[in-house]
Amino acid sequence: MLGVYLSPRPSGGSRPRFAIQSGYTLVEIMVALTLGLVVMLGVIQVFISTQQSARIQQAASRMQEDGRMAMALISRYFRMGGYTTYPWDKGSTVWSAAINARGFPAVAGIFAAGQIVAGSTVNGADAIRLRYQGADDGSVTTCLGRIIPANQMGDITLSLSPANPPQGRALLCTDNNNPGGAITQPLVAGLQGMTIRYGLSQGVNGIDANGRLRGATAYVTGPQVPANQWSRVIGLRVSLLVQSDQDELTLQPQTITFNGANINAGPNPAPDRRMRYVMGTTINVRNQAP
């Protein structure tokens, strides 16, 4: 008699298999890291660009503010030049040839009619000295705010600071007739240069048939004005070179033409990447104009 032996089958009705592994391969991880790095670099680049744009906008706004303020102050006091309370004191604007960076000789008495002498240059920038009379109502002041009493003379000087730091020079005002001695006060910073051109009334001695000064058709430097012709000055043309106080704002050093010279020009320009621009205006000397 034959016996039949049955072997047990594995549960589940199938043979055992190896367990399937799950996860990421090394290639997938490297691809993910690369994509993440690219995204991160893009975010950093956007941040840097935004930050640089903000710096440029801030510097440009500050430059415009400094330039406009300096030009407004200069224009205001240029227009006051030669102001007189009484008709027999007309022509009292004085442009001093003895300008220097420290002080100025005192001038006593009333202005001589038509008394105007040459301007000067301080440390590569033009400077100018103005004189005018006070008013009864106390409305006439110096650029430092000191009220000039009636029948007294205001004597101020506008120039740039002698030092030339990287952040720029300052517009200075000197009150030469201050009772306690001359006082110099910085008004506006961020300037690099200032030039002044003088408008001469044209014609025979600048006088027309009615005895009035003619309009200016030529603007010249101080040394180009004849010593006996300063009474013909009826206008001023002012140019300012304004610069940013921050560096590293431009990709390359700017080449700016100012007063006939190039700033940061040449094959080896100065390692300066500040922003600069030139602004100018023409001012009528009201008390000298026809």
C-alpha atoms as a PDB file:
ATOM      1  CA  MET A   1       0.000   0.000   0.000  1.00  0.00           C
ATOM      2  CA  LEU A   2       1.398   3.336  -1.110  1.00  0.00           C
ATOM      3  CA  GLY A   3       1.453   6.348   1.248  1.00  0.00           C
ATOM      4  CA  VAL A   4       0.910   9.939   0.030  1.00  0.00           C
ATOM      5  CA  TYR A   5       2.755  12.713   1.783  1.00  0.00           C
ATOM      6  CA  LEU A   6       1.650  16.363   1.293  1.00  0.00           C
ATOM      7  CA  SER A   7       4.033  19.238   2.031  1.00  0.00           C
ATOM      8  CA  PRO A   8       2.516  22.451   3.409  1.00  0.00           C
ATOM      9  CA  ARG A   9       2.354  25.435   1.090  1.00  0.00           C
ATOM     10  CA  PRO A  10       3.450  28.884   2.177  1.00  0.00           C
ATOM     11  CA  SER A  11       0.644  30.986   3.476  1.00  0.00           C
ATOM     12  CA  GLY A  12      -0.800  33.411   0.937  1.00  0.00           C
ATOM     13  CA  GLY A  13      -0.580  30.971  -1.868  1.00  0.00           C
ATOM     14  CA  SER A  14       2.713  32.377  -3.374  1.00  0.00           C
ATOM     15  CA  ARG A  15       6.399  32.005  -2.963  1.00  0.00           C
ATOM     16  CA  PRO A  16       8.260  34.566  -0.751  1.00  0.00           C
ATOM     17  CA  ARG A  17       9.877  37.533  -2.511  1.00  0.00           C
ATOM     18  CA  PHE A  18      12.529  40.051  -1.476  1.00  0.00           C
ATOM     19  CA  ALA A  19      11.102  43.305   0.065  1.00  0.00           C
ATOM     20  CA  ILE A  20      10.954  46.276  -2.410  1.00  0.00           C
ATOM     21  CA  GLN A  21      13.222  49.230  -1.298  1.00  0.00           C
ATOM     22  CA  SER A  22      11.783  52.789  -1.219  1.00  0.00           C
ATOM     23  CA  GLY A  23      13.498  56.333  -1.159  1.00  0.00           C
ATOM     24  CA  TYR A  24      15.533  58.665  -3.429  1.00  0.00           C
ATOM     25  CA  THR A  25      18.525  57.851  -5.470  1.00  0.00           C
ATOM     26  CA  LEU A  26      21.749  59.832  -5.282  1.00  0.00           C
ATOM     27  CA  VAL A  27      21.057  61.356  -8.686  1.00  0.00           C
ATOM     28  CA  GLU A  28      17.672  62.623  -7.557  1.00  0.00           C
ATOM     29  CA  ILE A  29      19.193  64.197  -4.454  1.00  0.00           C
ATOM     30  CA  MET A  30      21.876  65.967  -6.506  1.00  0.00           C
ATOM     31  CA  VAL A  31      19.284  67.303  -8.950  1.00  0.00           C
ATOM     32  CA  ALA A  32      17.142  68.605  -6.077  1.00  0.00           C
ATOM     33  CA  LEU A  33      20.144  70.290  -4.436  1.00  0.00           C
ATOM     34  CA  THR A  34      21.126  71.903  -7.729  1.00  0.00           C
ATOM     35  CA  LEU A  35      17.645  73.276  -8.311  1.00  0.00           C
ATOM     36  CA  GLY A  36      17.486  74.604  -4.755  1.00  0.00           C
ATOM     37  CA  LEU A  37      20.862  76.301  -5.165  1.00  0.00           C
ATOM     38  CA  VAL A  38      19.735  77.963  -8.399  1.00  0.00           C
ATOM     39  CA  VAL A  39      16.579  79.265  -6.730  1.00  0.00           C
ATOM     40  CA  MET A  40      18.586  80.541  -3.748  1.00  0.00           C
ATOM     41  CA  LEU A  41      21.070  82.332  -6.009  1.00  0.00           C
ATOM     42  CA  GLY A  42      18.178  83.967  -7.841  1.00  0.00           C
ATOM     43  CA  VAL A  43      16.662  85.199  -4.584  1.00  0.00           C
ATOM     44  CA  ILE A  44      20.039  86.560  -3.447  1.00  0.00           C
ATOM     45  CA  GLN A  45      20.529  88.323  -6.782  1.00  0.00           C
ATOM     46  CA  VAL A  46      17.106  89.941  -6.550  1.00  0.00           C
ATOM     47  CA  PHE A  47      17.859  91.072  -2.996  1.00  0.00           C
ATOM     48  CA  ILE A  48      21.226  92.569  -3.984  1.00  0.00           C
ATOM     49  CA  SER A  49      19.728  94.334  -7.005  1.00  0.00           C
ATOM     50  CA  THR A  50      16.889  95.739  -4.917  1.00  0.00           C
ATOM     51  CA  GLN A  51      19.304  96.932  -2.251  1.00  0.00           C
ATOM     52  CA  GLN A  52      21.581  98.598  -4.833  1.00  0.00           C
ATOM     53  CA  SER A  53      18.604 100.268  -6.510  1.00  0.00           C
ATOM     54  CA  ALA A  54      17.491 101.620  -3.147  1.00  0.00           C
ATOM     55  CA  ARG A  55      21.005 102.988  -2.473  1.00  0.00           C
ATOM     56  CA  ILE A  56      21.105 104.670  -5.890  1.00  0.00           C
ATOM     57  CA  GLN A  57      17.660 106.221  -5.429  1.00  0.00           C
ATOM     58  CA  GLN A  58      18.562 107.438  -1.957  1.00  0.00           C
ATOM     59  CA  ALA A  59      21.849 108.926  -3.180  1.00  0.00           C
ATOM     60  CA  ALA A  60      20.159 110.615  -6.152  1.00  0.00           C
ATOM     61  CA  SER A  61      17.484 112.117  -3.899  1.00  0.00           C
ATOM     62  CA  ARG A  62      20.115 113.381  -1.471  1.00  0.00           C
ATOM     63  CA  MET A  63      22.174 114.885  -4.301  1.00  0.00           C
ATOM     64  CA  GLN A  64      19.157 116.698  -5.721  1.00  0.00           C
ATOM     65  CA  GLU A  65      18.235 117.970  -2.273  1.00  0.00           C
ATOM     66  CA  ASP A  66      21.768 119.235  -1.566  1.00  0.00           C
ATOM     67  CA  GLY A  67      22.146 120.789  -5.009  1.00  0.00           C
ATOM     68  CA  ARG A  68      18.798 122.560  -4.930  1.00  0.00           C
ATOM     69  CA  MET A  69      19.351 123.845  -1.421  1.00  0.00           C
ATOM     70  CA  ALA A  70      22.818 125.165  -2.287  1.00  0.00           C
ATOM     71  CA  MET A  71      21.533 126.813  -5.466  1.00  0.00           C
ATOM     72  CA  ALA A  72      18.578 128.357  -3.622  1.00  0.00           C
ATOM     73  CA  LEU A  73      20.841 129.870  -0.963  1.00  0.00           C
ATOM     74  CA  ILE A  74      23.340 131.162  -3.513  1.00  0.00           C
ATOM     75  CA  SER A  75      20.578 132.669  -5.665  1.00  0.00           C
ATOM     76  CA  ARG A  76      18.924 134.339  -2.708  1.00  0.00           C
ATOM     77  CA  TYR A  77      22.029 136.170  -1.579  1.00  0.00           C
ATOM     78  CA  PHE A  78      23.230 136.985  -5.072  1.00  0.00           C
ATOM     79  CA  ARG A  79      19.923 138.727  -5.682  1.00  0.00           C
ATOM     80  CA  MET A  80      20.363 140.678  -2.448  1.00  0.00           C
ATOM     81  CA  GLY A  81      23.765 141.951  -3.560  1.00  0.00           C
ATOM     82  CA  GLY A  82      23.817 145.718  -3.895  1.00  0.00           C
ATOM     83  CA  TYR A  83      20.594 146.281  -1.963  1.00  0.00           C
ATOM     84  CA  THR A  84      20.408 149.832  -0.627  1.00  0.00           C
ATOM     85  CA  THR A  85      17.823 151.578   1.489  1.00  0.00           C
ATOM     86  CA  TYR A  86      18.371 155.015   0.016  1.00  0.00           C
ATOM     87  CA  PRO A  87      18.587 155.974  -3.654  1.00  0.00           C
ATOM     88  CA  TRP A  88      21.940 157.704  -3.293  1.00  0.00           C
ATOM     89  CA  ASP A  89      23.570 154.468  -2.150  1.00  0.00           C
ATOM     90  CA  LYS A  90      22.872 152.464  -5.310  1.00  0.00           C
ATOM     91  CA  GLY A  91      25.554 150.323  -6.850  1.00  0.00           C
ATOM     92  CA  SER A  92      26.801 149.050  -3.515  1.00  0.00           C
ATOM     93  CA  THR A  93      27.569 145.468  -4.487  1.00  0.00           C
ATOM     94  CA  VAL A  94      31.194 144.596  -3.781  1.00  0.00           C
ATOM     95  CA  TRP A  95      33.072 141.639  -5.252  1.00  0.00           C
ATOM     96  CA  SER A  96      36.257 141.407  -3.231  1.00  0.00           C
ATOM     97  CA  ALA A  97      39.563 140.575  -4.894  1.00  0.00           C
ATOM     98  CA  ALA A  98      41.129 139.861  -1.515  1.00  0.00           C
ATOM     99  CA  ILE A  99      39.213 136.634  -0.933  1.00  0.00           C
ATOM    100  CA  ASN A 100      40.992 133.889   0.963  1.00  0.00           C
ATOM    101  CA  ALA A 101      39.962 130.843   2.966  1.00  0.00           C
ATOM    102  CA  ARG A 102      40.389 132.420   6.413  1.00  0.00           C
ATOM    103  CA  GLY A 103      39.037 135.945   6.572  1.00  0.00           C
ATOM    104  CA  PHE A 104      38.487 139.292   4.894  1.00  0.00           C
ATOM    105  CA  PRO A 105      39.469 142.874   5.621  1.00  0.00           C
ATOM    106  CA  ALA A 106      36.793 144.963   7.318  1.00  0.00           C
ATOM    107  CA  VAL A 107      35.067 147.723   5.333  1.00  0.00           C
ATOM    108  CA  ALA A 108      33.536 150.719   7.083  1.00  0.00           C
ATOM    109  CA  GLY A 109      31.133 153.364   5.824  1.00  0.00           C
ATOM    110  CA  ILE A 110      28.564 153.369   3.045  1.00  0.00           C
ATOM    111  CA  PHE A 111      29.113 151.792  -0.363  1.00  0.00           C
ATOM    112  CA  ALA A 112      30.567 153.873  -3.157  1.00  0.00           C
ATOM    113  CA  ALA A 113      28.281 154.111  -6.171  1.00  0.00           C
ATOM    114  CA  GLY A 114      29.202 151.406  -8.694  1.00  0.00           C
ATOM    115  CA  GLN A 115      31.994 150.001  -6.516  1.00  0.00           C
ATOM    116  CA  ILE A 116      32.556 146.420  -7.727  1.00  0.00           C
ATOM    117  CA  VAL A 117      35.872 144.553  -7.727  1.00  0.00           C
ATOM    118  CA  ALA A 118      36.900 141.070  -8.919  1.00  0.00           C
ATOM    119  CA  GLY A 119      35.967 137.736  -7.433  1.00  0.00           C
ATOM    120  CA  SER A 120      38.547 135.099  -6.616  1.00  0.00           C
ATOM    121  CA  THR A 121      39.223 131.368  -6.357  1.00  0.00           C
ATOM    122  CA  VAL A 122      39.650 129.302  -3.195  1.00  0.00           C
ATOM    123  CA  ASN A 123      41.128 125.811  -3.515  1.00  0.00           C
ATOM    124  CA  GLY A 124      40.030 125.349  -7.094  1.00  0.00           C
ATOM    125  CA  ALA A 125      36.503 126.712  -6.608  1.00  0.00           C
ATOM    126  CA  ASP A 126      35.203 130.219  -7.180  1.00  0.00           C
ATOM    127  CA  ALA A 127      34.281 132.347  -4.183  1.00  0.00           C
ATOM    128  CA  ILE A 128      32.359 135.582  -4.008  1.00  0.00           C
ATOM    129  CA  ARG A 129      31.875 138.347  -1.498  1.00  0.00           C
ATOM    130  CA  LEU A 130      28.673 140.401  -1.365  1.00  0.00           C
ATOM    131  CA  ARG A 131      27.769 143.572   0.469  1.00  0.00           C
ATOM    132  CA  TYR A 132      24.385 145.149   0.954  1.00  0.00           C
ATOM    133  CA  GLN A 133      22.599 147.432   3.380  1.00  0.00           C
ATOM    134  CA  GLY A 134      20.162 146.543   6.110  1.00  0.00           C
ATOM    135  CA  ALA A 135      16.512 147.507   6.280  1.00  0.00           C
ATOM    136  CA  ASP A 136      14.357 149.317   8.799  1.00  0.00           C
ATOM    137  CA  ASP A 137      12.035 146.350   9.306  1.00  0.00           C
ATOM    138  CA  GLY A 138      14.813 143.842  10.030  1.00  0.00           C
ATOM    139  CA  SER A 139      14.010 141.775   6.952  1.00  0.00           C
ATOM    140  CA  VAL A 140      17.589 141.816   5.637  1.00  0.00           C
ATOM    141  CA  THR A 141      19.822 139.188   7.218  1.00  0.00           C
ATOM    142  CA  THR A 142      23.131 137.529   6.606  1.00  0.00           C
ATOM    143  CA  CYS A 143      23.303 133.929   5.435  1.00  0.00           C
ATOM    144  CA  LEU A 144      23.756 132.953   9.090  1.00  0.00           C
ATOM    145  CA  GLY A 145      20.494 134.614  10.105  1.00  0.00           C
ATOM    146  CA  ARG A 146      21.930 137.721  11.769  1.00  0.00           C
ATOM    147  CA  ILE A 147      19.664 140.734  11.237  1.00  0.00           C
ATOM    148  CA  ILE A 148      21.412 143.698   9.654  1.00  0.00           C
ATOM    149  CA  PRO A 149      20.196 146.940  11.230  1.00  0.00           C
ATOM    150  CA  ALA A 150      19.130 149.835   9.040  1.00  0.00           C
ATOM    151  CA  ASN A 151      21.940 151.979   7.611  1.00  0.00           C
ATOM    152  CA  GLN A 152      24.480 149.250   8.342  1.00  0.00           C
ATOM    153  CA  MET A 153      26.199 146.983   5.896  1.00  0.00           C
ATOM    154  CA  GLY A 154      25.992 143.240   5.483  1.00  0.00           C
ATOM    155  CA  ASP A 155      29.193 141.641   4.278  1.00  0.00           C
ATOM    156  CA  ILE A 156      29.114 137.916   3.478  1.00  0.00           C
ATOM    157  CA  THR A 157      31.271 135.489   1.562  1.00  0.00           C
ATOM    158  CA  LEU A 158      30.107 132.316  -0.177  1.00  0.00           C
ATOM    159  CA  SER A 159      32.780 129.723  -0.917  1.00  0.00           C
ATOM    160  CA  LEU A 160      33.537 126.015  -0.672  1.00  0.00           C
ATOM    161  CA  SER A 161      35.391 124.436   2.216  1.00  0.00           C
ATOM    162  CA  PRO A 162      39.162 124.233   1.697  1.00  0.00           C
ATOM    163  CA  ALA A 163      39.339 120.522   2.468  1.00  0.00           C
ATOM    164  CA  ASN A 164      38.316 118.032  -0.198  1.00  0.00           C
ATOM    165  CA  PRO A 165      37.202 114.849   1.600  1.00  0.00           C
ATOM    166  CA  PRO A 166      35.865 111.873  -0.380  1.00  0.00           C
ATOM    167  CA  GLN A 167      32.315 112.750   0.713  1.00  0.00           C
ATOM    168  CA  GLY A 168      32.553 116.193  -0.906  1.00  0.00           C
ATOM    169  CA  ARG A 169      33.037 119.761   0.205  1.00  0.00           C
ATOM    170  CA  ALA A 170      30.621 122.079   1.978  1.00  0.00           C
ATOM    171  CA  LEU A 171      29.180 125.411   0.916  1.00  0.00           C
ATOM    172  CA  LEU A 172      30.442 127.914   3.479  1.00  0.00           C
ATOM    173  CA  CYS A 173      29.038 131.265   4.483  1.00  0.00           C
ATOM    174  CA  THR A 174      31.211 133.811   6.274  1.00  0.00           C
ATOM    175  CA  ASP A 175      29.606 136.726   8.099  1.00  0.00           C
ATOM    176  CA  ASN A 176      32.464 139.215   7.845  1.00  0.00           C
ATOM    177  CA  ASN A 177      30.766 142.038   9.760  1.00  0.00           C
ATOM    178  CA  ASN A 178      29.728 139.997  12.776  1.00  0.00           C
ATOM    179  CA  PRO A 179      30.250 142.180  15.882  1.00  0.00           C
ATOM    180  CA  GLY A 180      32.227 139.458  17.631  1.00  0.00           C
ATOM    181  CA  GLY A 181      34.412 138.741  14.617  1.00  0.00           C
ATOM    182  CA  ALA A 182      33.968 136.895  11.356  1.00  0.00           C
ATOM    183  CA  ILE A 183      32.061 133.617  11.672  1.00  0.00           C
ATOM    184  CA  THR A 184      32.094 130.839   9.089  1.00  0.00           C
ATOM    185  CA  GLN A 185      29.341 128.258   9.008  1.00  0.00           C
ATOM    186  CA  PRO A 186      28.819 125.318   6.620  1.00  0.00           C
ATOM    187  CA  LEU A 187      25.413 125.432   4.945  1.00  0.00           C
ATOM    188  CA  VAL A 188      25.192 122.475   2.555  1.00  0.00           C
ATOM    189  CA  ALA A 189      27.439 119.439   2.083  1.00  0.00           C
ATOM    190  CA  GLY A 190      27.980 117.160  -0.894  1.00  0.00           C
ATOM    191  CA  LEU A 191      29.578 119.650  -3.313  1.00  0.00           C
ATOM    192  CA  GLN A 192      32.789 119.106  -5.236  1.00  0.00           C
ATOM    193  CA  GLY A 193      33.105 122.277  -7.294  1.00  0.00           C
ATOM    194  CA  MET A 194      31.607 125.715  -7.908  1.00  0.00           C
ATOM    195  CA  THR A 195      32.211 128.102 -10.801  1.00  0.00           C
ATOM    196  CA  ILE A 196      30.913 131.637 -11.242  1.00  0.00           C
ATOM    197  CA  ARG A 197      30.730 133.540 -14.522  1.00  0.00           C
ATOM    198  CA  TYR A 198      29.945 137.242 -14.627  1.00  0.00           C
ATOM    199  CA  GLY A 199      27.507 138.713 -17.142  1.00  0.00           C
ATOM    200  CA  LEU A 200      28.685 142.058 -18.496  1.00  0.00           C
ATOM    201  CA  SER A 201      26.331 144.672 -19.841  1.00  0.00           C
ATOM    202  CA  GLN A 202      27.286 145.197 -23.488  1.00  0.00           C
ATOM    203  CA  GLY A 203      27.706 148.422 -25.461  1.00  0.00           C
ATOM    204  CA  VAL A 204      29.782 151.517 -24.845  1.00  0.00           C
ATOM    205  CA  ASN A 205      30.696 151.114 -21.184  1.00  0.00           C
ATOM    206  CA  GLY A 206      27.543 149.012 -20.899  1.00  0.00           C
ATOM    207  CA  ILE A 207      25.261 152.069 -21.043  1.00  0.00           C
ATOM    208  CA  ASP A 208      22.474 152.600 -23.568  1.00  0.00           C
ATOM    209  CA  ALA A 209      21.162 155.907 -24.948  1.00  0.00           C
ATOM    210  CA  ASN A 210      18.917 156.346 -21.903  1.00  0.00           C
ATOM    211  CA  GLY A 211      21.776 155.952 -19.453  1.00  0.00           C
ATOM    212  CA  ARG A 212      20.739 152.443 -18.404  1.00  0.00           C
ATOM    213  CA  LEU A 213      22.798 149.267 -18.367  1.00  0.00           C
ATOM    214  CA  ARG A 214      22.243 146.985 -21.338  1.00  0.00           C
ATOM    215  CA  GLY A 215      21.453 143.295 -21.036  1.00  0.00           C
ATOM    216  CA  ALA A 216      24.313 140.822 -20.654  1.00  0.00           C
ATOM    217  CA  THR A 217      25.344 138.847 -23.729  1.00  0.00           C
ATOM    218  CA  ALA A 218      28.672 137.477 -22.500  1.00  0.00           C
ATOM    219  CA  TYR A 219      29.587 135.625 -19.323  1.00  0.00           C
ATOM    220  CA  VAL A 220      33.264 135.621 -18.408  1.00  0.00           C
ATOM    221  CA  THR A 221      35.485 134.594 -15.521  1.00  0.00           C
ATOM    222  CA  GLY A 222      36.571 137.052 -12.865  1.00  0.00           C
ATOM    223  CA  PRO A 223      40.070 137.628 -14.306  1.00  0.00           C
ATOM    224  CA  GLN A 224      38.502 138.401 -17.701  1.00  0.00           C
ATOM    225  CA  VAL A 225      36.542 141.351 -16.329  1.00  0.00           C
ATOM    226  CA  PRO A 226      38.499 144.618 -16.731  1.00  0.00           C
ATOM    227  CA  ALA A 227      39.275 146.240 -13.409  1.00  0.00           C
ATOM    228  CA  ASN A 228      37.279 149.347 -14.294  1.00  0.00           C
ATOM    229  CA  GLN A 229      34.271 147.465 -15.680  1.00  0.00           C
ATOM    230  CA  TRP A 230      32.899 145.633 -12.649  1.00  0.00           C
ATOM    231  CA  SER A 231      30.029 148.089 -12.439  1.00  0.00           C
ATOM    232  CA  ARG A 232      28.753 146.492 -15.683  1.00  0.00           C
ATOM    233  CA  VAL A 233      28.148 143.131 -13.998  1.00  0.00           C
ATOM    234  CA  ILE A 234      24.394 142.570 -14.077  1.00  0.00           C
ATOM    235  CA  GLY A 235      24.160 138.779 -13.986  1.00  0.00           C
ATOM    236  CA  LEU A 236      25.861 135.686 -12.649  1.00  0.00           C
ATOM    237  CA  ARG A 237      26.011 132.177 -14.041  1.00  0.00           C
ATOM    238  CA  VAL A 238      26.655 129.586 -11.346  1.00  0.00           C
ATOM    239  CA  SER A 239      27.545 125.922 -11.875  1.00  0.00           C
ATOM    240  CA  LEU A 240      27.773 123.339  -9.103  1.00  0.00           C
ATOM    241  CA  LEU A 241      29.316 119.881  -9.227  1.00  0.00           C
ATOM    242  CA  VAL A 242      27.320 117.727  -6.816  1.00  0.00           C
ATOM    243  CA  GLN A 243      28.460 114.289  -5.689  1.00  0.00           C
ATOM    244  CA  SER A 244      27.055 111.486  -3.563  1.00  0.00           C
ATOM    245  CA  ASP A 245      28.399 110.826  -0.100  1.00  0.00           C
ATOM    246  CA  GLN A 246      28.299 107.051  -0.716  1.00  0.00           C
ATOM    247  CA  ASP A 247      30.746 105.175  -2.928  1.00  0.00           C
ATOM    248  CA  GLU A 248      30.298 101.998  -5.004  1.00  0.00           C
ATOM    249  CA  LEU A 249      27.132 103.246  -6.706  1.00  0.00           C
ATOM    250  CA  THR A 250      28.158 103.022 -10.371  1.00  0.00           C
ATOM    251  CA  LEU A 251      29.676 100.120 -12.271  1.00  0.00           C
ATOM    252  CA  GLN A 252      32.539 102.276 -13.564  1.00  0.00           C
ATOM    253  CA  PRO A 253      33.959 105.649 -12.488  1.00  0.00           C
ATOM    254  CA  GLN A 254      31.927 108.426 -14.077  1.00  0.00           C
ATOM    255  CA  THR A 255      33.567 110.873 -16.473  1.00  0.00           C
ATOM    256  CA  ILE A 256      31.980 114.272 -15.836  1.00  0.00           C
ATOM    257  CA  THR A 257      33.030 117.467 -17.607  1.00  0.00           C
ATOM    258  CA  PHE A 258      33.050 120.440 -15.255  1.00  0.00           C
ATOM    259  CA  ASN A 259      34.727 123.804 -15.710  1.00  0.00           C
ATOM    260  CA  GLY A 260      36.554 122.568 -18.789  1.00  0.00           C
ATOM    261  CA  ALA A 261      38.078 119.524 -17.079  1.00  0.00           C
ATOM    262  CA  ASN A 262      37.081 115.869 -16.864  1.00  0.00           C
ATOM    263  CA  ILE A 263      36.462 114.397 -13.432  1.00  0.00           C
ATOM    264  CA  ASN A 264      37.738 110.800 -13.064  1.00  0.00           C
ATOM    265  CA  ALA A 265      39.003 110.866 -16.660  1.00  0.00           C
ATOM    266  CA  GLY A 266      42.059 109.314 -18.261  1.00  0.00           C
ATOM    267  CA  PRO A 267      43.388 105.783 -18.711  1.00  0.00           C
ATOM    268  CA  ASN A 268      43.765 105.332 -14.942  1.00  0.00           C
ATOM    269  CA  PRO A 269      40.800 107.083 -13.309  1.00  0.00           C
ATOM    270  CA  ALA A 270      40.570 107.418  -9.565  1.00  0.00           C
ATOM    271  CA  PRO A 271      38.990 104.380  -7.875  1.00  0.00           C
ATOM    272  CA  ASP A 272      35.856 106.366  -7.157  1.00  0.00           C
ATOM    273  CA  ARG A 273      32.421 105.116  -8.174  1.00  0.00           C
ATOM    274  CA  ARG A 274      30.355 107.914  -6.680  1.00  0.00           C
ATOM    275  CA  MET A 275      27.459 109.505  -8.506  1.00  0.00           C
ATOM    276  CA  ARG A 276      27.968 113.045  -9.800  1.00  0.00           C
ATOM    277  CA  TYR A 277      26.017 115.565 -11.803  1.00  0.00           C
ATOM    278  CA  VAL A 278      26.327 119.214 -12.785  1.00  0.00           C
ATOM    279  CA  MET A 279      23.593 121.752 -12.150  1.00  0.00           C
ATOM    280  CA  GLY A 280      23.573 125.425 -13.024  1.00  0.00           C
ATOM    281  CA  THR A 281      21.499 128.562 -13.181  1.00  0.00           C
ATOM    282  CA  THR A 282      21.726 132.175 -14.290  1.00  0.00           C
ATOM    283  CA  ILE A 283      20.951 134.791 -11.650  1.00  0.00           C
ATOM    284  CA  ASN A 284      19.952 138.370 -12.243  1.00  0.00           C
ATOM    285  CA  VAL A 285      21.667 140.848  -9.919  1.00  0.00           C
ATOM    286  CA  ARG A 286      18.494 142.851  -9.444  1.00  0.00           C
ATOM    287  CA  ASN A 287      20.125 145.912  -7.964  1.00  0.00           C
ATOM    288  CA  GLN A 288      22.466 146.184 -10.956  1.00  0.00           C
ATOM    289  CA  ALA A 289      20.174 145.051 -13.766  1.00  0.00           C
ATOM    290  CA  PRO A 290      18.662 147.532 -16.252  1.00  0.00           C
END
